[in-house]
Amino acid sequence: MKIEKYTFITGASTGLGKELALECARLRKNLILTALPGEEINQMGLDLAKKYHVQVKTFELDLTQIGAVEFLVDKIDDLEIEILINNAGVGGTQSFLEATPEYIDQIVMLNMRALVLLSRLLLPVLKRQGKAYILNIASMASFGPMPFKTVYPASKAFVYSFSRGLGAELKGTGITVSVAHPGGMRTNADVTRRIDSHNRFIRSTALSSAKVAQICIRQLLRDDELIIPGVMNKLSWLMFKIVPVWMRLKIMRISLRNEIKSTKPIVGNICK
């Protein structure tokens, strides 16, 4: 009897998460999808199952809540998972003084804690597949500190460090750990306005979430451990290595202050 295997994607209702789900469905991979309540993930699951003839299981829950990750893992305990994609994340642009404790806690709990716990609790399932994958979605922001974001790039730097360390630890087990660093993505009108408030170079790094998803899944399945989608983002990565931190911070401070002035500060992730 054929054993059905699944790809598990968090934050799958919109943006990059949705495109990752679509890309995996096109490859005829069964899906486990999570999203916040009220984001119509159940309907999306039904549509994908019908169009691509795959099995799709959906869950609505807030992964920042204590016990939510453990509850979810318990619900899928009888399923075989070969790919885990930790995509769910949150961020935004505002002064640190204006950031509420609840906002900061949400970044820490979702971008870091939920990702680590899901990886740990699902690792035994992944390990018994023979060949399996973990894809953690970080950001170009993870390569350096940023004023007016502060906590967000720090959380994504954590994702990068955690992913590379875990990948080295799991060498020889059949599990590949990849970390992806998307730049800005024009996922909606507001995010597009925020991207367009920056200089020409930053605007040139923006890709569609569909293109980023295609690159991520392609490179994941060929065991690439570091994924930087797009030529301009690779160039940006090199600049992060060459330009001194003090100079980058000065440039970022001007650019992000302009973003705040030209758009209303909201909680939202334009860097992934």
C-alpha atoms as a PDB file:
ATOM      1  CA  MET A   1       0.000   0.000   0.000  1.00  0.00           C
ATOM      2  CA  LYS A   2       1.325   3.413  -0.979  1.00  0.00           C
ATOM      3  CA  ILE A   3       2.049   5.696   1.973  1.00  0.00           C
ATOM      4  CA  GLU A   4       0.789   9.222   1.396  1.00  0.00           C
ATOM      5  CA  LYS A   5       3.353  11.892   2.231  1.00  0.00           C
ATOM      6  CA  TYR A   6       2.678  15.550   2.924  1.00  0.00           C
ATOM      7  CA  THR A   7       4.241  18.981   2.656  1.00  0.00           C
ATOM      8  CA  PHE A   8       3.464  21.132   5.690  1.00  0.00           C
ATOM      9  CA  ILE A   9       3.316  24.924   5.128  1.00  0.00           C
ATOM     10  CA  THR A  10       2.606  27.546   7.792  1.00  0.00           C
ATOM     11  CA  GLY A  11       1.106  30.937   6.955  1.00  0.00           C
ATOM     12  CA  ALA A  12      -0.302  29.527   3.726  1.00  0.00           C
ATOM     13  CA  SER A  13      -3.346  31.724   3.088  1.00  0.00           C
ATOM     14  CA  THR A  14      -1.701  34.753   1.460  1.00  0.00           C
ATOM     15  CA  GLY A  15       1.483  36.084  -0.093  1.00  0.00           C
ATOM     16  CA  LEU A  16       4.483  33.803  -0.318  1.00  0.00           C
ATOM     17  CA  GLY A  17       2.830  31.053   1.745  1.00  0.00           C
ATOM     18  CA  LYS A  18      -0.047  30.792  -0.712  1.00  0.00           C
ATOM     19  CA  GLU A  19       2.313  30.685  -3.694  1.00  0.00           C
ATOM     20  CA  LEU A  20       4.431  28.001  -2.007  1.00  0.00           C
ATOM     21  CA  ALA A  21       1.270  25.926  -1.536  1.00  0.00           C
ATOM     22  CA  LEU A  22       0.329  26.421  -5.198  1.00  0.00           C
ATOM     23  CA  GLU A  23       3.805  25.463  -6.374  1.00  0.00           C
ATOM     24  CA  CYS A  24       3.817  22.285  -4.270  1.00  0.00           C
ATOM     25  CA  ALA A  25       0.306  21.364  -5.424  1.00  0.00           C
ATOM     26  CA  ARG A  26       1.448  21.705  -9.043  1.00  0.00           C
ATOM     27  CA  LEU A  27       4.137  19.165  -8.215  1.00  0.00           C
ATOM     28  CA  ARG A  28       1.355  16.848  -6.965  1.00  0.00           C
ATOM     29  CA  LYS A  29       2.401  17.061  -3.346  1.00  0.00           C
ATOM     30  CA  ASN A  30      -0.220  16.511  -0.650  1.00  0.00           C
ATOM     31  CA  LEU A  31      -0.517  19.485   1.664  1.00  0.00           C
ATOM     32  CA  ILE A  32      -1.026  20.425   5.292  1.00  0.00           C
ATOM     33  CA  LEU A  33      -1.754  24.152   5.455  1.00  0.00           C
ATOM     34  CA  THR A  34      -2.119  26.490   8.425  1.00  0.00           C
ATOM     35  CA  ALA A  35      -3.365  30.059   8.668  1.00  0.00           C
ATOM     36  CA  LEU A  36      -4.948  32.404  11.154  1.00  0.00           C
ATOM     37  CA  PRO A  37      -8.693  32.038  11.760  1.00  0.00           C
ATOM     38  CA  GLY A  38     -10.810  33.945   9.243  1.00  0.00           C
ATOM     39  CA  GLU A  39      -8.340  33.759   6.337  1.00  0.00           C
ATOM     40  CA  GLU A  40     -10.399  31.211   4.345  1.00  0.00           C
ATOM     41  CA  ILE A  41      -7.689  28.568   4.353  1.00  0.00           C
ATOM     42  CA  ASN A  42     -10.340  25.830   4.272  1.00  0.00           C
ATOM     43  CA  GLN A  43     -11.737  27.071   0.948  1.00  0.00           C
ATOM     44  CA  MET A  44      -8.257  27.413  -0.450  1.00  0.00           C
ATOM     45  CA  GLY A  45      -7.572  23.805   0.518  1.00  0.00           C
ATOM     46  CA  LEU A  46     -10.699  22.600  -1.224  1.00  0.00           C
ATOM     47  CA  ASP A  47      -9.779  24.529  -4.380  1.00  0.00           C
ATOM     48  CA  LEU A  48      -6.254  23.110  -4.476  1.00  0.00           C
ATOM     49  CA  ALA A  49      -7.445  19.555  -3.876  1.00  0.00           C
ATOM     50  CA  LYS A  50      -9.981  19.822  -6.693  1.00  0.00           C
ATOM     51  CA  LYS A  51      -7.681  21.488  -9.217  1.00  0.00           C
ATOM     52  CA  TYR A  52      -4.506  19.473  -8.639  1.00  0.00           C
ATOM     53  CA  HIS A  53      -5.942  16.169  -7.366  1.00  0.00           C
ATOM     54  CA  VAL A  54      -3.949  16.199  -4.131  1.00  0.00           C
ATOM     55  CA  GLN A  55      -4.951  15.650  -0.537  1.00  0.00           C
ATOM     56  CA  VAL A  56      -5.125  18.854   1.484  1.00  0.00           C
ATOM     57  CA  LYS A  57      -5.647  19.224   5.219  1.00  0.00           C
ATOM     58  CA  THR A  58      -6.125  22.704   6.662  1.00  0.00           C
ATOM     59  CA  PHE A  59      -5.938  24.162  10.152  1.00  0.00           C
ATOM     60  CA  GLU A  60      -6.934  27.565  11.480  1.00  0.00           C
ATOM     61  CA  LEU A  61      -4.957  28.612  14.542  1.00  0.00           C
ATOM     62  CA  ASP A  62      -2.637  31.265  15.919  1.00  0.00           C
ATOM     63  CA  LEU A  63       0.830  29.769  16.280  1.00  0.00           C
ATOM     64  CA  THR A  64       1.857  32.503  18.727  1.00  0.00           C
ATOM     65  CA  GLN A  65      -0.485  31.128  21.377  1.00  0.00           C
ATOM     66  CA  ILE A  66       1.073  28.918  24.038  1.00  0.00           C
ATOM     67  CA  GLY A  67       0.245  25.286  23.297  1.00  0.00           C
ATOM     68  CA  ALA A  68      -0.865  25.924  19.687  1.00  0.00           C
ATOM     69  CA  VAL A  69       2.161  24.279  18.072  1.00  0.00           C
ATOM     70  CA  GLU A  70       1.891  21.210  20.295  1.00  0.00           C
ATOM     71  CA  PHE A  71      -1.858  20.989  19.594  1.00  0.00           C
ATOM     72  CA  LEU A  72      -1.252  21.125  15.845  1.00  0.00           C
ATOM     73  CA  VAL A  73       1.486  18.485  15.894  1.00  0.00           C
ATOM     74  CA  ASP A  74      -0.773  16.202  17.909  1.00  0.00           C
ATOM     75  CA  LYS A  75      -3.538  16.622  15.307  1.00  0.00           C
ATOM     76  CA  ILE A  76      -1.279  15.451  12.469  1.00  0.00           C
ATOM     77  CA  ASP A  77       0.495  12.751  14.435  1.00  0.00           C
ATOM     78  CA  ASP A  78      -0.709  10.004  12.069  1.00  0.00           C
ATOM     79  CA  LEU A  79       0.535  11.704   8.873  1.00  0.00           C
ATOM     80  CA  GLU A  80       3.867  11.225   7.117  1.00  0.00           C
ATOM     81  CA  ILE A  81       5.552  14.584   6.447  1.00  0.00           C
ATOM     82  CA  GLU A  82       8.460  14.827   3.999  1.00  0.00           C
ATOM     83  CA  ILE A  83       8.708  18.634   3.686  1.00  0.00           C
ATOM     84  CA  LEU A  84       8.288  21.227   6.432  1.00  0.00           C
ATOM     85  CA  ILE A  85       8.091  24.855   5.289  1.00  0.00           C
ATOM     86  CA  ASN A  86       8.205  27.366   8.134  1.00  0.00           C
ATOM     87  CA  ASN A  87       6.846  30.373   6.271  1.00  0.00           C
ATOM     88  CA  ALA A  88       4.630  32.162   8.816  1.00  0.00           C
ATOM     89  CA  GLY A  89       6.168  35.418   9.988  1.00  0.00           C
ATOM     90  CA  VAL A  90       5.358  38.976  10.910  1.00  0.00           C
ATOM     91  CA  GLY A  91       7.168  42.299  10.873  1.00  0.00           C
ATOM     92  CA  GLY A  92       6.725  45.957  10.074  1.00  0.00           C
ATOM     93  CA  THR A  93       8.256  49.422  10.025  1.00  0.00           C
ATOM     94  CA  GLN A  94       7.871  51.770  12.990  1.00  0.00           C
ATOM     95  CA  SER A  95       9.968  53.350  15.699  1.00  0.00           C
ATOM     96  CA  PHE A  96      10.904  51.003  18.522  1.00  0.00           C
ATOM     97  CA  LEU A  97       9.429  53.436  21.061  1.00  0.00           C
ATOM     98  CA  GLU A  98       6.021  53.114  19.369  1.00  0.00           C
ATOM     99  CA  ALA A  99       6.158  49.308  19.204  1.00  0.00           C
ATOM    100  CA  THR A 100       3.833  47.772  21.771  1.00  0.00           C
ATOM    101  CA  PRO A 101       4.930  44.841  23.937  1.00  0.00           C
ATOM    102  CA  GLU A 102       2.224  42.777  22.205  1.00  0.00           C
ATOM    103  CA  TYR A 103       3.679  43.592  18.783  1.00  0.00           C
ATOM    104  CA  ILE A 104       7.206  42.660  19.884  1.00  0.00           C
ATOM    105  CA  ASP A 105       5.986  39.458  21.497  1.00  0.00           C
ATOM    106  CA  GLN A 106       4.168  38.459  18.318  1.00  0.00           C
ATOM    107  CA  ILE A 107       7.388  38.728  16.283  1.00  0.00           C
ATOM    108  CA  VAL A 108       9.364  36.680  18.800  1.00  0.00           C
ATOM    109  CA  MET A 109       6.687  34.019  19.234  1.00  0.00           C
ATOM    110  CA  LEU A 110       5.941  33.522  15.540  1.00  0.00           C
ATOM    111  CA  ASN A 111       9.226  34.209  13.742  1.00  0.00           C
ATOM    112  CA  MET A 112      11.352  32.312  16.245  1.00  0.00           C
ATOM    113  CA  ARG A 113       9.555  30.163  18.819  1.00  0.00           C
ATOM    114  CA  ALA A 114       6.913  28.600  16.547  1.00  0.00           C
ATOM    115  CA  LEU A 115       9.515  27.836  13.862  1.00  0.00           C
ATOM    116  CA  VAL A 116      11.899  26.158  16.304  1.00  0.00           C
ATOM    117  CA  LEU A 117       9.199  24.129  18.050  1.00  0.00           C
ATOM    118  CA  LEU A 118       7.669  22.869  14.800  1.00  0.00           C
ATOM    119  CA  SER A 119      11.112  21.850  13.557  1.00  0.00           C
ATOM    120  CA  ARG A 120      11.880  20.002  16.780  1.00  0.00           C
ATOM    121  CA  LEU A 121       8.528  18.248  17.171  1.00  0.00           C
ATOM    122  CA  LEU A 122       8.313  17.158  13.521  1.00  0.00           C
ATOM    123  CA  LEU A 123      11.953  16.108  13.215  1.00  0.00           C
ATOM    124  CA  PRO A 124      11.296  12.449  14.169  1.00  0.00           C
ATOM    125  CA  VAL A 125       8.610  12.269  11.454  1.00  0.00           C
ATOM    126  CA  LEU A 126      10.915  13.808   8.862  1.00  0.00           C
ATOM    127  CA  LYS A 127      13.777  11.540   9.841  1.00  0.00           C
ATOM    128  CA  ARG A 128      11.867   8.330   9.143  1.00  0.00           C
ATOM    129  CA  GLN A 129      11.124   9.365   5.544  1.00  0.00           C
ATOM    130  CA  GLY A 130      14.613   8.516   4.321  1.00  0.00           C
ATOM    131  CA  LYS A 131      14.758  11.784   2.379  1.00  0.00           C
ATOM    132  CA  ALA A 132      13.127  14.920   3.751  1.00  0.00           C
ATOM    133  CA  TYR A 133      13.420  18.701   3.730  1.00  0.00           C
ATOM    134  CA  ILE A 134      13.025  21.696   6.020  1.00  0.00           C
ATOM    135  CA  LEU A 135      12.681  25.127   4.417  1.00  0.00           C
ATOM    136  CA  ASN A 136      12.797  28.124   6.746  1.00  0.00           C
ATOM    137  CA  ILE A 137      11.818  31.488   5.305  1.00  0.00           C
ATOM    138  CA  ALA A 138      14.123  34.209   6.577  1.00  0.00           C
ATOM    139  CA  SER A 139      14.627  37.535   4.768  1.00  0.00           C
ATOM    140  CA  MET A 140      17.247  39.751   3.190  1.00  0.00           C
ATOM    141  CA  ALA A 141      16.778  41.730   6.407  1.00  0.00           C
ATOM    142  CA  SER A 142      18.508  38.926   8.304  1.00  0.00           C
ATOM    143  CA  PHE A 143      21.923  39.968   6.937  1.00  0.00           C
ATOM    144  CA  GLY A 144      22.151  43.156   8.988  1.00  0.00           C
ATOM    145  CA  PRO A 145      20.521  45.387  11.618  1.00  0.00           C
ATOM    146  CA  MET A 146      17.894  47.923  10.561  1.00  0.00           C
ATOM    147  CA  PRO A 147      16.590  51.020  12.340  1.00  0.00           C
ATOM    148  CA  PHE A 148      12.799  51.329  12.524  1.00  0.00           C
ATOM    149  CA  LYS A 149      12.529  47.541  12.222  1.00  0.00           C
ATOM    150  CA  THR A 150      14.940  46.490  15.004  1.00  0.00           C
ATOM    151  CA  VAL A 151      13.267  43.291  16.255  1.00  0.00           C
ATOM    152  CA  TYR A 152      12.262  41.925  12.838  1.00  0.00           C
ATOM    153  CA  PRO A 153      15.748  41.626  11.248  1.00  0.00           C
ATOM    154  CA  ALA A 154      17.072  40.264  14.548  1.00  0.00           C
ATOM    155  CA  SER A 155      14.418  37.535  14.462  1.00  0.00           C
ATOM    156  CA  LYS A 156      15.324  36.675  10.868  1.00  0.00           C
ATOM    157  CA  ALA A 157      19.035  36.604  11.709  1.00  0.00           C
ATOM    158  CA  PHE A 158      18.053  34.018  14.319  1.00  0.00           C
ATOM    159  CA  VAL A 159      16.262  31.992  11.620  1.00  0.00           C
ATOM    160  CA  TYR A 160      19.384  32.074   9.446  1.00  0.00           C
ATOM    161  CA  SER A 161      21.699  31.003  12.271  1.00  0.00           C
ATOM    162  CA  PHE A 162      19.327  28.302  13.512  1.00  0.00           C
ATOM    163  CA  SER A 163      18.851  26.882  10.018  1.00  0.00           C
ATOM    164  CA  ARG A 164      22.524  26.686   9.153  1.00  0.00           C
ATOM    165  CA  GLY A 165      23.393  25.147  12.516  1.00  0.00           C
ATOM    166  CA  LEU A 166      20.597  22.568  12.315  1.00  0.00           C
ATOM    167  CA  GLY A 167      21.538  21.739   8.743  1.00  0.00           C
ATOM    168  CA  ALA A 168      25.109  20.987   9.770  1.00  0.00           C
ATOM    169  CA  GLU A 169      23.885  18.864  12.681  1.00  0.00           C
ATOM    170  CA  LEU A 170      21.628  16.808  10.416  1.00  0.00           C
ATOM    171  CA  LYS A 171      24.228  16.042   7.743  1.00  0.00           C
ATOM    172  CA  GLY A 172      24.038  12.374   6.816  1.00  0.00           C
ATOM    173  CA  THR A 173      20.514  11.862   8.155  1.00  0.00           C
ATOM    174  CA  GLY A 174      18.734  12.368   4.822  1.00  0.00           C
ATOM    175  CA  ILE A 175      17.253  15.707   5.933  1.00  0.00           C
ATOM    176  CA  THR A 176      18.243  18.890   4.088  1.00  0.00           C
ATOM    177  CA  VAL A 177      17.716  22.186   5.915  1.00  0.00           C
ATOM    178  CA  SER A 178      17.441  25.203   3.620  1.00  0.00           C
ATOM    179  CA  VAL A 179      16.978  28.846   4.510  1.00  0.00           C
ATOM    180  CA  ALA A 180      15.559  31.348   2.013  1.00  0.00           C
ATOM    181  CA  HIS A 181      16.128  35.101   2.031  1.00  0.00           C
ATOM    182  CA  PRO A 182      13.511  36.852  -0.113  1.00  0.00           C
ATOM    183  CA  GLY A 183      13.592  40.595  -0.600  1.00  0.00           C
ATOM    184  CA  GLY A 184      10.500  42.752  -0.950  1.00  0.00           C
ATOM    185  CA  MET A 185       7.488  41.220  -2.675  1.00  0.00           C
ATOM    186  CA  ARG A 186       4.583  43.185  -4.134  1.00  0.00           C
ATOM    187  CA  THR A 187       1.892  41.148  -2.420  1.00  0.00           C
ATOM    188  CA  ASN A 188      -0.744  43.914  -2.173  1.00  0.00           C
ATOM    189  CA  ALA A 189      -1.304  47.623  -2.863  1.00  0.00           C
ATOM    190  CA  ASP A 190      -0.056  48.825   0.511  1.00  0.00           C
ATOM    191  CA  VAL A 191       3.144  46.761   0.385  1.00  0.00           C
ATOM    192  CA  THR A 192       3.716  47.979  -3.178  1.00  0.00           C
ATOM    193  CA  ARG A 193       3.447  51.603  -2.005  1.00  0.00           C
ATOM    194  CA  ARG A 194       5.957  50.909   0.748  1.00  0.00           C
ATOM    195  CA  ILE A 195       8.421  49.311  -1.661  1.00  0.00           C
ATOM    196  CA  ASP A 196       7.994  52.191  -4.132  1.00  0.00           C
ATOM    197  CA  SER A 197       8.854  54.706  -1.389  1.00  0.00           C
ATOM    198  CA  HIS A 198      12.462  53.441  -1.465  1.00  0.00           C
ATOM    199  CA  ASN A 199      15.277  54.187  -3.903  1.00  0.00           C
ATOM    200  CA  ARG A 200      15.673  52.580  -7.318  1.00  0.00           C
ATOM    201  CA  PHE A 201      18.063  49.874  -6.121  1.00  0.00           C
ATOM    202  CA  ILE A 202      15.723  48.631  -3.375  1.00  0.00           C
ATOM    203  CA  ARG A 203      12.772  48.744  -5.782  1.00  0.00           C
ATOM    204  CA  SER A 204      14.769  46.630  -8.263  1.00  0.00           C
ATOM    205  CA  THR A 205      15.158  43.802  -5.733  1.00  0.00           C
ATOM    206  CA  ALA A 206      11.398  43.218  -5.465  1.00  0.00           C
ATOM    207  CA  LEU A 207      10.041  40.039  -7.064  1.00  0.00           C
ATOM    208  CA  SER A 208       6.573  38.560  -7.289  1.00  0.00           C
ATOM    209  CA  SER A 209       5.733  36.059  -4.558  1.00  0.00           C
ATOM    210  CA  ALA A 210       4.986  33.483  -7.288  1.00  0.00           C
ATOM    211  CA  LYS A 211       8.510  33.816  -8.691  1.00  0.00           C
ATOM    212  CA  VAL A 212      10.060  33.582  -5.240  1.00  0.00           C
ATOM    213  CA  ALA A 213       8.037  30.437  -4.490  1.00  0.00           C
ATOM    214  CA  GLN A 214       9.185  28.781  -7.715  1.00  0.00           C
ATOM    215  CA  ILE A 215      12.830  29.537  -6.937  1.00  0.00           C
ATOM    216  CA  CYS A 216      12.537  28.358  -3.327  1.00  0.00           C
ATOM    217  CA  ILE A 217      10.932  25.007  -4.134  1.00  0.00           C
ATOM    218  CA  ARG A 218      13.264  24.325  -7.059  1.00  0.00           C
ATOM    219  CA  GLN A 219      16.396  25.005  -5.014  1.00  0.00           C
ATOM    220  CA  LEU A 220      15.033  23.193  -1.955  1.00  0.00           C
ATOM    221  CA  LEU A 221      14.496  19.992  -3.926  1.00  0.00           C
ATOM    222  CA  ARG A 222      18.039  20.104  -5.261  1.00  0.00           C
ATOM    223  CA  ASP A 223      19.412  20.411  -1.711  1.00  0.00           C
ATOM    224  CA  ASP A 224      20.585  24.032  -1.840  1.00  0.00           C
ATOM    225  CA  GLU A 225      21.000  25.136   1.757  1.00  0.00           C
ATOM    226  CA  LEU A 226      21.167  28.910   1.134  1.00  0.00           C
ATOM    227  CA  ILE A 227      18.531  30.396  -1.175  1.00  0.00           C
ATOM    228  CA  ILE A 228      18.668  34.050  -2.253  1.00  0.00           C
ATOM    229  CA  PRO A 229      16.020  34.593  -4.945  1.00  0.00           C
ATOM    230  CA  GLY A 230      16.881  36.955  -7.785  1.00  0.00           C
ATOM    231  CA  VAL A 231      20.065  38.454  -9.216  1.00  0.00           C
ATOM    232  CA  MET A 232      19.534  41.852  -7.566  1.00  0.00           C
ATOM    233  CA  ASN A 233      19.067  40.254  -4.165  1.00  0.00           C
ATOM    234  CA  LYS A 234      22.330  38.338  -4.624  1.00  0.00           C
ATOM    235  CA  LEU A 235      24.013  41.650  -5.426  1.00  0.00           C
ATOM    236  CA  SER A 236      22.408  43.171  -2.344  1.00  0.00           C
ATOM    237  CA  TRP A 237      23.764  40.270  -0.273  1.00  0.00           C
ATOM    238  CA  LEU A 238      27.277  41.018  -1.544  1.00  0.00           C
ATOM    239  CA  MET A 239      26.831  44.683  -0.611  1.00  0.00           C
ATOM    240  CA  PHE A 240      25.847  43.636   2.914  1.00  0.00           C
ATOM    241  CA  LYS A 241      29.221  41.887   3.121  1.00  0.00           C
ATOM    242  CA  ILE A 242      31.263  44.758   1.669  1.00  0.00           C
ATOM    243  CA  VAL A 243      29.660  47.963   2.991  1.00  0.00           C
ATOM    244  CA  PRO A 244      30.498  48.769   6.649  1.00  0.00           C
ATOM    245  CA  VAL A 245      27.673  48.398   9.149  1.00  0.00           C
ATOM    246  CA  TRP A 246      27.744  52.076  10.155  1.00  0.00           C
ATOM    247  CA  MET A 247      27.259  53.122   6.531  1.00  0.00           C
ATOM    248  CA  ARG A 248      24.450  50.635   5.948  1.00  0.00           C
ATOM    249  CA  LEU A 249      22.682  51.841   9.086  1.00  0.00           C
ATOM    250  CA  LYS A 250      22.942  55.450   7.930  1.00  0.00           C
ATOM    251  CA  ILE A 251      21.469  54.609   4.517  1.00  0.00           C
ATOM    252  CA  MET A 252      18.751  52.427   6.042  1.00  0.00           C
ATOM    253  CA  ARG A 253      17.793  55.105   8.552  1.00  0.00           C
ATOM    254  CA  ILE A 254      17.120  57.618   5.785  1.00  0.00           C
ATOM    255  CA  SER A 255      15.320  55.099   3.574  1.00  0.00           C
ATOM    256  CA  LEU A 256      13.073  53.672   6.303  1.00  0.00           C
ATOM    257  CA  ARG A 257      12.236  57.096   7.727  1.00  0.00           C
ATOM    258  CA  ASN A 258      11.035  58.037   4.235  1.00  0.00           C
ATOM    259  CA  GLU A 259       8.930  54.860   4.150  1.00  0.00           C
ATOM    260  CA  ILE A 260       7.274  55.772   7.448  1.00  0.00           C
ATOM    261  CA  LYS A 261       6.576  59.311   6.236  1.00  0.00           C
ATOM    262  CA  SER A 262       5.065  58.196   2.947  1.00  0.00           C
ATOM    263  CA  THR A 263       2.898  55.376   4.293  1.00  0.00           C
ATOM    264  CA  LYS A 264       0.929  54.597   7.426  1.00  0.00           C
ATOM    265  CA  PRO A 265       2.928  52.382   9.809  1.00  0.00           C
ATOM    266  CA  ILE A 266       1.294  48.933   9.937  1.00  0.00           C
ATOM    267  CA  VAL A 267       2.209  45.504  11.135  1.00  0.00           C
ATOM    268  CA  GLY A 268       3.089  43.596   8.014  1.00  0.00           C
ATOM    269  CA  ASN A 269       5.969  41.825   6.411  1.00  0.00           C
ATOM    270  CA  ILE A 270       7.330  43.482   3.259  1.00  0.00           C
ATOM    271  CA  CYS A 271      10.661  41.680   3.413  1.00  0.00           C
ATOM    272  CA  LYS A 272       9.425  38.200   2.794  1.00  0.00           C
END
